[in-house]
Amino acid sequence: MSKQKKGKNFIIGSVVGGIIGAATALFLAPKSGKELRDDLNEQATLVKEKTGTWKNTAIEKGNELAGVAKEKTASLSKTVSEQSSQLMTKVKELRPSSSENGESAEEDKSNDTVENTVDIQKKLEETQKAFDEAEHTVKQ
């Protein structure tokens, strides 16, 4: 379990324990029915205010994370688009062209093909690295 989940579970446990403790103290305290009801209403109001604050904080954090994810997705999409365009250019360059020199042209084509294949592999590795970095950033 991650530290964040452990911390979240601790906070939830603390809040639930606090509520149970407060309710127990109220029921065991020697007070009249009216005083007890007033205390319960007061505690309920406090709990309602706290949960409202937590809800607002959760919504704000969610919106922030959604914005970050949207930015990262746009950046990643742009990177993939650029890499794809470069890859398509390399693939088009690999297509055989007519040659007048016979065998030496075939050797040149073979060398160009190997170089282009290496370039394509590098571009694919760069794209994979960009995906990995974006995924790591989004998980944080």
N, C-alpha and C. Protein backbone atom coordinates (compact mmCIF):
# COMPACT_ATOMS: atom_id res chain seq x y z
N MET A 1 0.85 -1.17 0.00
CA MET A 1 0.00 0.00 0.00
C MET A 1 0.90 1.24 0.00
N SER A 2 0.55 2.25 -0.80
CA SER A 2 1.38 3.43 -0.89
C SER A 2 1.21 4.32 0.34
N LYS A 3 2.19 5.21 0.52
CA LYS A 3 2.14 6.12 1.66
C LYS A 3 0.91 7.00 1.61
N GLN A 4 0.54 7.40 0.38
CA GLN A 4 -0.62 8.27 0.23
C GLN A 4 -1.90 7.56 0.69
N LYS A 5 -2.04 6.27 0.32
CA LYS A 5 -3.23 5.54 0.74
C LYS A 5 -3.23 5.30 2.24
N LYS A 6 -2.04 5.01 2.79
CA LYS A 6 -1.95 4.81 4.23
C LYS A 6 -2.34 6.08 4.98
N GLY A 7 -1.85 7.23 4.48
CA GLY A 7 -2.19 8.51 5.11
C GLY A 7 -3.68 8.79 5.01
N LYS A 8 -4.25 8.49 3.86
CA LYS A 8 -5.68 8.71 3.66
C LYS A 8 -6.49 7.83 4.60
N ASN A 9 -6.09 6.56 4.71
CA ASN A 9 -6.79 5.64 5.61
C ASN A 9 -6.65 6.08 7.05
N PHE A 10 -5.48 6.59 7.42
CA PHE A 10 -5.27 7.08 8.79
C PHE A 10 -6.21 8.24 9.09
N ILE A 11 -6.30 9.18 8.15
CA ILE A 11 -7.16 10.35 8.35
C ILE A 11 -8.62 9.92 8.47
N ILE A 12 -9.04 9.02 7.60
CA ILE A 12 -10.43 8.55 7.66
C ILE A 12 -10.68 7.86 9.00
N GLY A 13 -9.74 7.02 9.43
CA GLY A 13 -9.89 6.34 10.72
C GLY A 13 -9.95 7.31 11.88
N SER A 14 -9.11 8.36 11.80
CA SER A 14 -9.11 9.37 12.85
C SER A 14 -10.44 10.10 12.93
N VAL A 15 -10.99 10.46 11.77
CA VAL A 15 -12.26 11.18 11.74
C VAL A 15 -13.38 10.29 12.28
N VAL A 16 -13.43 9.05 11.81
CA VAL A 16 -14.48 8.13 12.28
C VAL A 16 -14.33 7.89 13.77
N GLY A 17 -13.08 7.69 14.22
CA GLY A 17 -12.85 7.49 15.65
C GLY A 17 -13.24 8.70 16.47
N GLY A 18 -12.94 9.88 15.95
CA GLY A 18 -13.32 11.11 16.65
C GLY A 18 -14.83 11.26 16.77
N ILE A 19 -15.53 10.91 15.70
CA ILE A 19 -17.00 11.01 15.72
C ILE A 19 -17.58 10.02 16.72
N ILE A 20 -17.06 8.80 16.68
CA ILE A 20 -17.56 7.78 17.61
C ILE A 20 -17.25 8.18 19.06
N GLY A 21 -16.04 8.70 19.28
CA GLY A 21 -15.66 9.14 20.63
C GLY A 21 -16.53 10.28 21.12
N ALA A 22 -16.81 11.24 20.23
CA ALA A 22 -17.65 12.38 20.61
C ALA A 22 -19.07 11.93 20.92
N ALA A 23 -19.59 11.02 20.09
CA ALA A 23 -20.95 10.53 20.33
C ALA A 23 -21.02 9.76 21.65
N THR A 24 -20.00 8.94 21.92
CA THR A 24 -19.97 8.18 23.18
C THR A 24 -19.91 9.13 24.37
N ALA A 25 -19.07 10.14 24.29
CA ALA A 25 -18.95 11.10 25.39
C ALA A 25 -20.28 11.83 25.63
N LEU A 26 -20.96 12.17 24.54
CA LEU A 26 -22.24 12.86 24.68
C LEU A 26 -23.29 11.97 25.34
N PHE A 27 -23.33 10.72 24.94
CA PHE A 27 -24.34 9.82 25.49
C PHE A 27 -24.04 9.43 26.94
N LEU A 28 -22.78 9.41 27.31
CA LEU A 28 -22.43 9.00 28.68
C LEU A 28 -22.36 10.18 29.65
N ALA A 29 -22.36 11.38 29.13
CA ALA A 29 -22.29 12.56 29.99
C ALA A 29 -23.64 12.78 30.67
N PRO A 30 -23.62 13.17 31.94
CA PRO A 30 -24.89 13.39 32.66
C PRO A 30 -25.49 14.74 32.29
N LYS A 31 -26.27 14.75 31.20
CA LYS A 31 -26.92 15.99 30.76
C LYS A 31 -28.40 15.71 30.56
N SER A 32 -29.15 16.80 30.52
CA SER A 32 -30.58 16.67 30.25
C SER A 32 -30.78 16.37 28.76
N GLY A 33 -31.96 15.94 28.42
CA GLY A 33 -32.28 15.61 27.03
C GLY A 33 -32.10 16.80 26.10
N LYS A 34 -32.52 17.99 26.54
CA LYS A 34 -32.40 19.18 25.71
C LYS A 34 -30.93 19.53 25.49
N GLU A 35 -30.12 19.48 26.54
CA GLU A 35 -28.69 19.77 26.40
C GLU A 35 -28.02 18.77 25.47
N LEU A 36 -28.39 17.50 25.60
CA LEU A 36 -27.83 16.45 24.77
C LEU A 36 -28.18 16.70 23.29
N ARG A 37 -29.44 17.04 23.02
CA ARG A 37 -29.86 17.32 21.64
C ARG A 37 -29.12 18.53 21.09
N ASP A 38 -28.96 19.57 21.90
CA ASP A 38 -28.23 20.76 21.46
C ASP A 38 -26.78 20.41 21.12
N ASP A 39 -26.16 19.61 21.98
CA ASP A 39 -24.77 19.19 21.73
C ASP A 39 -24.68 18.37 20.43
N LEU A 40 -25.63 17.46 20.24
CA LEU A 40 -25.64 16.64 19.02
C LEU A 40 -25.80 17.51 17.77
N ASN A 41 -26.70 18.48 17.85
CA ASN A 41 -26.90 19.39 16.71
C ASN A 41 -25.62 20.19 16.42
N GLU A 42 -24.97 20.64 17.47
CA GLU A 42 -23.73 21.40 17.31
C GLU A 42 -22.65 20.54 16.65
N GLN A 43 -22.50 19.32 17.14
CA GLN A 43 -21.50 18.41 16.57
C GLN A 43 -21.83 18.06 15.12
N ALA A 44 -23.10 17.86 14.83
CA ALA A 44 -23.52 17.56 13.46
C ALA A 44 -23.20 18.72 12.53
N THR A 45 -23.41 19.94 13.01
CA THR A 45 -23.10 21.12 12.22
C THR A 45 -21.60 21.21 11.94
N LEU A 46 -20.79 20.94 12.96
CA LEU A 46 -19.33 20.97 12.76
C LEU A 46 -18.89 19.92 11.75
N VAL A 47 -19.44 18.72 11.86
CA VAL A 47 -19.08 17.66 10.91
C VAL A 47 -19.50 18.07 9.49
N LYS A 48 -20.68 18.65 9.36
CA LYS A 48 -21.17 19.08 8.05
C LYS A 48 -20.24 20.14 7.44
N GLU A 49 -19.79 21.09 8.24
CA GLU A 49 -18.87 22.13 7.76
C GLU A 49 -17.54 21.54 7.32
N LYS A 50 -17.02 20.60 8.13
CA LYS A 50 -15.73 19.98 7.78
C LYS A 50 -15.84 19.17 6.50
N THR A 51 -16.92 18.41 6.35
CA THR A 51 -17.05 17.61 5.14
C THR A 51 -17.24 18.51 3.91
N GLY A 52 -17.91 19.64 4.09
CA GLY A 52 -18.05 20.60 2.98
C GLY A 52 -16.69 21.14 2.57
N THR A 53 -15.84 21.45 3.55
CA THR A 53 -14.50 21.94 3.26
C THR A 53 -13.69 20.87 2.55
N TRP A 54 -13.78 19.64 3.02
CA TRP A 54 -13.04 18.53 2.38
C TRP A 54 -13.53 18.31 0.96
N LYS A 55 -14.83 18.43 0.76
CA LYS A 55 -15.39 18.25 -0.57
C LYS A 55 -14.83 19.31 -1.53
N ASN A 56 -14.82 20.56 -1.08
CA ASN A 56 -14.29 21.63 -1.92
C ASN A 56 -12.82 21.42 -2.24
N THR A 57 -12.06 20.98 -1.24
CA THR A 57 -10.64 20.72 -1.46
C THR A 57 -10.46 19.59 -2.47
N ALA A 58 -11.26 18.54 -2.34
CA ALA A 58 -11.18 17.41 -3.28
C ALA A 58 -11.52 17.85 -4.70
N ILE A 59 -12.53 18.69 -4.84
CA ILE A 59 -12.91 19.19 -6.16
C ILE A 59 -11.79 20.02 -6.77
N GLU A 60 -11.19 20.90 -5.97
CA GLU A 60 -10.08 21.73 -6.46
C GLU A 60 -8.91 20.87 -6.91
N LYS A 61 -8.54 19.89 -6.08
CA LYS A 61 -7.43 19.00 -6.43
C LYS A 61 -7.75 18.21 -7.70
N GLY A 62 -8.98 17.75 -7.80
CA GLY A 62 -9.39 17.01 -8.99
C GLY A 62 -9.29 17.86 -10.24
N ASN A 63 -9.72 19.11 -10.14
CA ASN A 63 -9.63 20.02 -11.29
C ASN A 63 -8.17 20.30 -11.66
N GLU A 64 -7.31 20.46 -10.63
CA GLU A 64 -5.89 20.69 -10.90
C GLU A 64 -5.29 19.49 -11.62
N LEU A 65 -5.59 18.29 -11.12
CA LEU A 65 -5.05 17.08 -11.74
C LEU A 65 -5.58 16.90 -13.16
N ALA A 66 -6.84 17.23 -13.38
CA ALA A 66 -7.41 17.13 -14.72
C ALA A 66 -6.70 18.10 -15.67
N GLY A 67 -6.40 19.30 -15.19
CA GLY A 67 -5.69 20.27 -16.01
C GLY A 67 -4.29 19.80 -16.36
N VAL A 68 -3.59 19.25 -15.37
CA VAL A 68 -2.24 18.73 -15.61
C VAL A 68 -2.30 17.58 -16.61
N ALA A 69 -3.26 16.68 -16.44
CA ALA A 69 -3.39 15.54 -17.35
C ALA A 69 -3.70 16.03 -18.77
N LYS A 70 -4.52 17.05 -18.88
CA LYS A 70 -4.88 17.59 -20.19
C LYS A 70 -3.65 18.20 -20.87
N GLU A 71 -2.85 18.94 -20.10
CA GLU A 71 -1.63 19.54 -20.64
C GLU A 71 -0.66 18.45 -21.10
N LYS A 72 -0.46 17.44 -20.26
CA LYS A 72 0.46 16.36 -20.58
C LYS A 72 -0.02 15.58 -21.80
N THR A 73 -1.32 15.37 -21.90
CA THR A 73 -1.86 14.66 -23.05
C THR A 73 -1.64 15.46 -24.32
N ALA A 74 -1.85 16.76 -24.27
CA ALA A 74 -1.63 17.60 -25.44
C ALA A 74 -0.15 17.57 -25.84
N SER A 75 0.72 17.66 -24.86
CA SER A 75 2.16 17.62 -25.13
C SER A 75 2.56 16.28 -25.74
N LEU A 76 2.05 15.21 -25.17
CA LEU A 76 2.36 13.88 -25.66
C LEU A 76 1.81 13.68 -27.06
N SER A 77 0.60 14.17 -27.29
CA SER A 77 -0.02 14.06 -28.61
C SER A 77 0.81 14.79 -29.65
N LYS A 78 1.30 15.96 -29.29
CA LYS A 78 2.13 16.73 -30.21
C LYS A 78 3.43 15.98 -30.51
N THR A 79 4.05 15.42 -29.48
CA THR A 79 5.30 14.67 -29.66
C THR A 79 5.08 13.46 -30.56
N VAL A 80 4.00 12.73 -30.30
CA VAL A 80 3.71 11.55 -31.13
C VAL A 80 3.45 11.97 -32.57
N SER A 81 2.73 13.05 -32.76
CA SER A 81 2.44 13.53 -34.11
C SER A 81 3.73 13.89 -34.83
N GLU A 82 4.63 14.60 -34.15
CA GLU A 82 5.91 14.97 -34.76
C GLU A 82 6.73 13.73 -35.09
N GLN A 83 6.79 12.79 -34.14
CA GLN A 83 7.55 11.56 -34.36
C GLN A 83 6.95 10.77 -35.52
N SER A 84 5.64 10.72 -35.60
CA SER A 84 4.98 9.99 -36.69
C SER A 84 5.29 10.63 -38.03
N SER A 85 5.28 11.94 -38.08
CA SER A 85 5.60 12.64 -39.32
C SER A 85 7.03 12.34 -39.75
N GLN A 86 7.95 12.39 -38.80
CA GLN A 86 9.35 12.09 -39.11
C GLN A 86 9.50 10.64 -39.55
N LEU A 87 8.78 9.75 -38.93
CA LEU A 87 8.83 8.34 -39.28
C LEU A 87 8.28 8.12 -40.69
N MET A 88 7.19 8.78 -41.02
CA MET A 88 6.62 8.67 -42.36
C MET A 88 7.58 9.19 -43.41
N THR A 89 8.28 10.27 -43.09
CA THR A 89 9.27 10.81 -44.01
C THR A 89 10.37 9.79 -44.25
N LYS A 90 10.85 9.15 -43.20
CA LYS A 90 11.89 8.13 -43.32
C LYS A 90 11.41 6.94 -44.15
N VAL A 91 10.17 6.53 -43.92
CA VAL A 91 9.63 5.40 -44.67
C VAL A 91 9.52 5.75 -46.14
N LYS A 92 9.10 6.96 -46.46
CA LYS A 92 9.01 7.39 -47.85
C LYS A 92 10.39 7.41 -48.51
N GLU A 93 11.40 7.78 -47.73
CA GLU A 93 12.77 7.79 -48.26
C GLU A 93 13.27 6.38 -48.53
N LEU A 94 12.70 5.38 -47.89
CA LEU A 94 13.13 4.00 -48.08
C LEU A 94 12.62 3.41 -49.40
N ARG A 95 11.64 3.99 -50.00
CA ARG A 95 11.08 3.46 -51.25
C ARG A 95 12.17 3.45 -52.31
N PRO A 96 12.22 2.38 -53.11
CA PRO A 96 13.26 2.29 -54.15
C PRO A 96 13.08 3.35 -55.23
N SER A 97 14.18 3.91 -55.66
CA SER A 97 14.14 4.90 -56.75
C SER A 97 14.90 4.32 -57.93
N SER A 98 14.59 4.78 -59.13
CA SER A 98 15.27 4.26 -60.32
C SER A 98 16.71 4.73 -60.32
N SER A 99 17.61 3.83 -60.76
CA SER A 99 19.04 4.11 -60.70
C SER A 99 19.68 3.82 -62.03
N GLU A 100 20.73 4.54 -62.35
CA GLU A 100 21.44 4.35 -63.61
C GLU A 100 22.76 3.62 -63.40
N ASN A 101 23.24 3.44 -62.18
CA ASN A 101 24.58 2.91 -61.94
C ASN A 101 24.63 1.43 -61.63
N GLY A 102 23.58 0.69 -61.68
CA GLY A 102 23.63 -0.74 -61.48
C GLY A 102 23.90 -1.13 -60.04
N GLU A 103 24.99 -1.93 -59.83
CA GLU A 103 25.28 -2.51 -58.52
C GLU A 103 25.62 -1.47 -57.47
N SER A 104 26.40 -0.48 -57.78
CA SER A 104 26.77 0.51 -56.76
C SER A 104 25.55 1.24 -56.24
N ALA A 105 24.57 1.43 -57.10
CA ALA A 105 23.33 2.06 -56.65
C ALA A 105 22.60 1.13 -55.68
N GLU A 106 22.63 -0.18 -55.97
CA GLU A 106 22.01 -1.14 -55.06
C GLU A 106 22.70 -1.14 -53.71
N GLU A 107 24.04 -1.05 -53.68
CA GLU A 107 24.78 -0.99 -52.43
C GLU A 107 24.44 0.28 -51.67
N ASP A 108 24.34 1.41 -52.40
CA ASP A 108 23.97 2.68 -51.76
C ASP A 108 22.57 2.58 -51.13
N LYS A 109 21.65 1.93 -51.89
CA LYS A 109 20.29 1.77 -51.38
C LYS A 109 20.30 0.91 -50.13
N SER A 110 21.10 -0.13 -50.15
CA SER A 110 21.19 -1.02 -48.99
C SER A 110 21.73 -0.27 -47.78
N ASN A 111 22.78 0.53 -47.99
CA ASN A 111 23.35 1.33 -46.88
C ASN A 111 22.35 2.36 -46.39
N ASP A 112 21.66 3.01 -47.32
CA ASP A 112 20.65 3.99 -46.94
C ASP A 112 19.52 3.32 -46.15
N THR A 113 19.13 2.13 -46.58
CA THR A 113 18.07 1.41 -45.89
C THR A 113 18.47 1.09 -44.46
N VAL A 114 19.71 0.62 -44.27
CA VAL A 114 20.19 0.32 -42.93
C VAL A 114 20.22 1.59 -42.08
N GLU A 115 20.74 2.68 -42.63
CA GLU A 115 20.80 3.95 -41.89
C GLU A 115 19.39 4.44 -41.55
N ASN A 116 18.48 4.34 -42.51
CA ASN A 116 17.11 4.78 -42.26
C ASN A 116 16.43 3.90 -41.22
N THR A 117 16.72 2.61 -41.26
CA THR A 117 16.15 1.71 -40.27
C THR A 117 16.64 2.08 -38.87
N VAL A 118 17.93 2.40 -38.76
CA VAL A 118 18.49 2.81 -37.48
C VAL A 118 17.83 4.12 -37.02
N ASP A 119 17.65 5.06 -37.96
CA ASP A 119 16.98 6.32 -37.63
C ASP A 119 15.55 6.09 -37.16
N ILE A 120 14.85 5.19 -37.84
CA ILE A 120 13.47 4.88 -37.46
C ILE A 120 13.44 4.28 -36.07
N GLN A 121 14.39 3.36 -35.82
CA GLN A 121 14.45 2.73 -34.49
C GLN A 121 14.70 3.79 -33.41
N LYS A 122 15.58 4.75 -33.68
CA LYS A 122 15.86 5.82 -32.72
C LYS A 122 14.60 6.64 -32.46
N LYS A 123 13.88 6.97 -33.51
CA LYS A 123 12.65 7.77 -33.36
C LYS A 123 11.61 7.00 -32.53
N LEU A 124 11.50 5.70 -32.79
CA LEU A 124 10.57 4.89 -32.00
C LEU A 124 10.97 4.85 -30.53
N GLU A 125 12.27 4.76 -30.27
CA GLU A 125 12.75 4.76 -28.89
C GLU A 125 12.48 6.11 -28.22
N GLU A 126 12.67 7.20 -28.96
CA GLU A 126 12.39 8.54 -28.42
C GLU A 126 10.90 8.67 -28.09
N THR A 127 10.05 8.15 -28.98
CA THR A 127 8.61 8.21 -28.74
C THR A 127 8.23 7.39 -27.50
N GLN A 128 8.83 6.18 -27.38
CA GLN A 128 8.56 5.35 -26.21
C GLN A 128 9.01 6.07 -24.93
N LYS A 129 10.16 6.73 -25.00
CA LYS A 129 10.66 7.46 -23.84
C LYS A 129 9.70 8.60 -23.47
N ALA A 130 9.18 9.30 -24.48
CA ALA A 130 8.23 10.39 -24.21
C ALA A 130 6.96 9.84 -23.56
N PHE A 131 6.47 8.69 -24.05
CA PHE A 131 5.30 8.06 -23.43
C PHE A 131 5.58 7.70 -21.98
N ASP A 132 6.74 7.09 -21.73
CA ASP A 132 7.09 6.68 -20.37
C ASP A 132 7.19 7.89 -19.43
N GLU A 133 7.81 8.98 -19.91
CA GLU A 133 7.94 10.19 -19.07
C GLU A 133 6.56 10.77 -18.77
N ALA A 134 5.70 10.82 -19.77
CA ALA A 134 4.36 11.38 -19.56
C ALA A 134 3.58 10.50 -18.58
N GLU A 135 3.70 9.20 -18.72
CA GLU A 135 2.99 8.29 -17.81
C GLU A 135 3.51 8.47 -16.40
N HIS A 136 4.81 8.59 -16.24
CA HIS A 136 5.40 8.78 -14.90
C HIS A 136 4.92 10.09 -14.28
N THR A 137 4.87 11.13 -15.09
CA THR A 137 4.44 12.45 -14.59
C THR A 137 2.97 12.41 -14.18
N VAL A 138 2.14 11.75 -14.97
CA VAL A 138 0.71 11.69 -14.66
C VAL A 138 0.47 10.86 -13.39
N LYS A 139 1.27 9.80 -13.17
CA LYS A 139 1.10 8.98 -11.98
C LYS A 139 1.48 9.72 -10.72
N GLN A 140 2.31 10.74 -10.82
CA GLN A 140 2.71 11.50 -9.64
C GLN A 140 1.64 12.46 -9.35
